[in-house]
Amino acid sequence: MVEHVARAYEYNRAVLHGTASGMAAPRLLRPLICRFLLQPVLRRGRFVPGSKSPEPFRPSATPAAPDVLLERLRAAIEAFETDAGAAGAPAIDHPMFGRLPLADFVRLQEIHTRHHCGQLVPAAA
């Protein structure tokens, strides 16, 4: 799960820079995807149970060692937060959701991280 969350931060940092590759919806569909998939998540503050991660965010079959993954996650979060704070525009052009206020984009990251928080903290022995 650590790798999954790190990948999401890394990808979304590329979205901030306009360099994200891979997944993209046709421009005509982006407002619909935003309205019916993203807006409910932002309104509820949580994901629908059972929703699947897109392929680029799925962890690899052979993940790295825990200390390596935790450092990757820490670095990805720090870089995303730094770049989001330094963003010069109040909105971004998201490849799936279209034009999106930066505050909503950052909130989506927060909701996603919170969604996985219980999986990121080791269970008590």
C-alpha atoms as a PDB file:
ATOM      1  CA  MET A   1       0.000   0.000   0.000  1.00  0.00           C
ATOM      2  CA  VAL A   2       2.938   2.323   0.664  1.00  0.00           C
ATOM      3  CA  GLU A   3       4.037   1.948  -2.945  1.00  0.00           C
ATOM      4  CA  HIS A   4       0.495   2.635  -4.182  1.00  0.00           C
ATOM      5  CA  VAL A   5       0.212   5.894  -2.235  1.00  0.00           C
ATOM      6  CA  ALA A   6       3.733   6.942  -3.283  1.00  0.00           C
ATOM      7  CA  ARG A   7       2.869   6.301  -6.939  1.00  0.00           C
ATOM      8  CA  ALA A   8      -0.253   8.436  -6.604  1.00  0.00           C
ATOM      9  CA  TYR A   9       1.769  11.353  -5.196  1.00  0.00           C
ATOM     10  CA  GLU A  10       4.420  10.966  -7.907  1.00  0.00           C
ATOM     11  CA  TYR A  11       1.830  10.882 -10.683  1.00  0.00           C
ATOM     12  CA  ASN A  12      -0.081  13.834  -9.280  1.00  0.00           C
ATOM     13  CA  ARG A  13       3.114  15.840  -8.980  1.00  0.00           C
ATOM     14  CA  ALA A  14       3.539  15.265 -12.725  1.00  0.00           C
ATOM     15  CA  VAL A  15      -0.069  16.485 -13.160  1.00  0.00           C
ATOM     16  CA  LEU A  16       0.905  19.687 -11.332  1.00  0.00           C
ATOM     17  CA  HIS A  17       3.731  20.179 -13.828  1.00  0.00           C
ATOM     18  CA  GLY A  18       1.601  19.242 -16.841  1.00  0.00           C
ATOM     19  CA  THR A  19       3.884  16.296 -17.620  1.00  0.00           C
ATOM     20  CA  ALA A  20       1.706  13.353 -16.564  1.00  0.00           C
ATOM     21  CA  SER A  21       1.663  10.552 -19.100  1.00  0.00           C
ATOM     22  CA  GLY A  22      -0.558   7.547 -19.474  1.00  0.00           C
ATOM     23  CA  MET A  23      -4.160   7.788 -18.353  1.00  0.00           C
ATOM     24  CA  ALA A  24      -6.180  10.543 -19.983  1.00  0.00           C
ATOM     25  CA  ALA A  25      -9.839  10.895 -20.800  1.00  0.00           C
ATOM     26  CA  PRO A  26     -11.082  12.590 -23.949  1.00  0.00           C
ATOM     27  CA  ARG A  27     -11.578  16.310 -23.259  1.00  0.00           C
ATOM     28  CA  LEU A  28     -15.315  16.071 -23.919  1.00  0.00           C
ATOM     29  CA  LEU A  29     -15.740  13.412 -21.223  1.00  0.00           C
ATOM     30  CA  ARG A  30     -13.653  15.078 -18.526  1.00  0.00           C
ATOM     31  CA  PRO A  31     -16.447  17.332 -17.172  1.00  0.00           C
ATOM     32  CA  LEU A  32     -18.716  14.281 -16.841  1.00  0.00           C
ATOM     33  CA  ILE A  33     -16.033  12.245 -15.096  1.00  0.00           C
ATOM     34  CA  CYS A  34     -15.404  15.156 -12.776  1.00  0.00           C
ATOM     35  CA  ARG A  35     -19.081  15.637 -11.971  1.00  0.00           C
ATOM     36  CA  PHE A  36     -20.042  12.014 -11.445  1.00  0.00           C
ATOM     37  CA  LEU A  37     -16.821  10.487 -10.061  1.00  0.00           C
ATOM     38  CA  LEU A  38     -14.715  13.223  -8.482  1.00  0.00           C
ATOM     39  CA  GLN A  39     -17.292  15.641  -7.084  1.00  0.00           C
ATOM     40  CA  PRO A  40     -19.054  12.971  -4.970  1.00  0.00           C
ATOM     41  CA  VAL A  41     -15.687  11.999  -3.445  1.00  0.00           C
ATOM     42  CA  LEU A  42     -14.902  15.630  -2.616  1.00  0.00           C
ATOM     43  CA  ARG A  43     -18.414  16.170  -1.237  1.00  0.00           C
ATOM     44  CA  ARG A  44     -18.370  13.021   0.964  1.00  0.00           C
ATOM     45  CA  GLY A  45     -14.702  13.321   1.851  1.00  0.00           C
ATOM     46  CA  ARG A  46     -14.164   9.634   1.152  1.00  0.00           C
ATOM     47  CA  PHE A  47     -14.020   7.043  -1.604  1.00  0.00           C
ATOM     48  CA  VAL A  48     -16.784   4.569  -2.331  1.00  0.00           C
ATOM     49  CA  PRO A  49     -15.881   1.211  -0.733  1.00  0.00           C
ATOM     50  CA  GLY A  50     -14.669  -1.345  -3.250  1.00  0.00           C
ATOM     51  CA  SER A  51     -13.437   1.115  -5.855  1.00  0.00           C
ATOM     52  CA  LYS A  52     -10.365  -0.139  -7.734  1.00  0.00           C
ATOM     53  CA  SER A  53      -7.114   1.694  -8.306  1.00  0.00           C
ATOM     54  CA  PRO A  54      -6.149   2.558 -11.874  1.00  0.00           C
ATOM     55  CA  GLU A  55      -3.339   0.398 -13.243  1.00  0.00           C
ATOM     56  CA  PRO A  56      -0.499   2.960 -12.890  1.00  0.00           C
ATOM     57  CA  PHE A  57      -1.149   3.210  -9.139  1.00  0.00           C
ATOM     58  CA  ARG A  58      -1.227  -0.523  -8.412  1.00  0.00           C
ATOM     59  CA  PRO A  59       1.769  -1.771  -6.418  1.00  0.00           C
ATOM     60  CA  SER A  60       4.294  -3.951  -8.172  1.00  0.00           C
ATOM     61  CA  ALA A  61       4.253  -7.720  -7.628  1.00  0.00           C
ATOM     62  CA  THR A  62       7.677  -7.493  -5.998  1.00  0.00           C
ATOM     63  CA  PRO A  63       7.764  -4.343  -3.870  1.00  0.00           C
ATOM     64  CA  ALA A  64      10.980  -2.902  -2.507  1.00  0.00           C
ATOM     65  CA  ALA A  65      12.018  -3.220   1.126  1.00  0.00           C
ATOM     66  CA  PRO A  66       9.822  -1.343   3.641  1.00  0.00           C
ATOM     67  CA  ASP A  67      12.491   1.253   4.478  1.00  0.00           C
ATOM     68  CA  VAL A  68      12.993   2.012   0.770  1.00  0.00           C
ATOM     69  CA  LEU A  69       9.241   2.337   0.193  1.00  0.00           C
ATOM     70  CA  LEU A  70       8.755   4.567   3.221  1.00  0.00           C
ATOM     71  CA  GLU A  71      11.522   6.882   2.022  1.00  0.00           C
ATOM     72  CA  ARG A  72       9.955   6.939  -1.461  1.00  0.00           C
ATOM     73  CA  LEU A  73       6.588   7.861   0.084  1.00  0.00           C
ATOM     74  CA  ARG A  74       8.109  10.570   2.283  1.00  0.00           C
ATOM     75  CA  ALA A  75       9.960  12.088  -0.673  1.00  0.00           C
ATOM     76  CA  ALA A  76       6.877  11.924  -2.927  1.00  0.00           C
ATOM     77  CA  ILE A  77       4.656  13.642  -0.360  1.00  0.00           C
ATOM     78  CA  GLU A  78       7.245  16.325   0.347  1.00  0.00           C
ATOM     79  CA  ALA A  79       7.784  17.041  -3.362  1.00  0.00           C
ATOM     80  CA  PHE A  80       4.041  17.179  -4.066  1.00  0.00           C
ATOM     81  CA  GLU A  81       3.390  19.519  -1.134  1.00  0.00           C
ATOM     82  CA  THR A  82       6.264  21.791  -2.136  1.00  0.00           C
ATOM     83  CA  ASP A  83       5.138  21.984  -5.757  1.00  0.00           C
ATOM     84  CA  ALA A  84       1.456  22.430  -4.873  1.00  0.00           C
ATOM     85  CA  GLY A  85       2.404  25.267  -2.532  1.00  0.00           C
ATOM     86  CA  ALA A  86       4.486  26.894  -5.239  1.00  0.00           C
ATOM     87  CA  ALA A  87       1.893  26.466  -8.004  1.00  0.00           C
ATOM     88  CA  GLY A  88       1.347  29.778  -9.705  1.00  0.00           C
ATOM     89  CA  ALA A  89      -2.161  29.063 -10.989  1.00  0.00           C
ATOM     90  CA  PRO A  90      -5.343  28.533  -8.970  1.00  0.00           C
ATOM     91  CA  ALA A  91      -6.307  25.547 -11.162  1.00  0.00           C
ATOM     92  CA  ILE A  92      -4.709  22.669 -13.030  1.00  0.00           C
ATOM     93  CA  ASP A  93      -5.601  20.769 -16.184  1.00  0.00           C
ATOM     94  CA  HIS A  94      -6.113  17.217 -14.954  1.00  0.00           C
ATOM     95  CA  PRO A  95      -5.910  14.463 -17.616  1.00  0.00           C
ATOM     96  CA  MET A  96      -9.026  12.713 -16.234  1.00  0.00           C
ATOM     97  CA  PHE A  97     -11.079  15.476 -14.584  1.00  0.00           C
ATOM     98  CA  GLY A  98     -10.318  18.495 -16.767  1.00  0.00           C
ATOM     99  CA  ARG A  99      -9.866  21.975 -15.298  1.00  0.00           C
ATOM    100  CA  LEU A 100      -9.733  21.511 -11.540  1.00  0.00           C
ATOM    101  CA  PRO A 101      -9.214  24.036  -8.748  1.00  0.00           C
ATOM    102  CA  LEU A 102      -5.855  23.415  -7.099  1.00  0.00           C
ATOM    103  CA  ALA A 103      -7.565  23.245  -3.687  1.00  0.00           C
ATOM    104  CA  ASP A 104      -9.798  20.374  -4.898  1.00  0.00           C
ATOM    105  CA  PHE A 105      -6.807  18.569  -6.355  1.00  0.00           C
ATOM    106  CA  VAL A 106      -4.876  18.801  -3.076  1.00  0.00           C
ATOM    107  CA  ARG A 107      -7.999  17.743  -1.152  1.00  0.00           C
ATOM    108  CA  LEU A 108      -8.281  14.657  -3.371  1.00  0.00           C
ATOM    109  CA  GLN A 109      -4.730  13.729  -2.380  1.00  0.00           C
ATOM    110  CA  GLU A 110      -5.631  14.176   1.281  1.00  0.00           C
ATOM    111  CA  ILE A 111      -8.770  12.014   0.948  1.00  0.00           C
ATOM    112  CA  HIS A 112      -6.809   9.329  -0.876  1.00  0.00           C
ATOM    113  CA  THR A 113      -4.036   9.252   1.722  1.00  0.00           C
ATOM    114  CA  ARG A 114      -6.544   9.163   4.593  1.00  0.00           C
ATOM    115  CA  HIS A 115      -8.394   6.351   2.784  1.00  0.00           C
ATOM    116  CA  HIS A 116      -5.254   4.206   3.008  1.00  0.00           C
ATOM    117  CA  CYS A 117      -3.975   5.457   6.359  1.00  0.00           C
ATOM    118  CA  GLY A 118      -5.105   2.365   8.255  1.00  0.00           C
ATOM    119  CA  GLN A 119      -3.244   0.192   5.752  1.00  0.00           C
ATOM    120  CA  LEU A 120      -0.081   2.280   6.023  1.00  0.00           C
ATOM    121  CA  VAL A 121       0.202   2.014   9.818  1.00  0.00           C
ATOM    122  CA  PRO A 122       1.432  -1.403  10.942  1.00  0.00           C
ATOM    123  CA  ALA A 123      -1.098  -3.348  12.996  1.00  0.00           C
ATOM    124  CA  ALA A 124      -0.257  -3.845  16.671  1.00  0.00           C
ATOM    125  CA  ALA A 125       1.350  -7.213  17.307  1.00  0.00           C
END
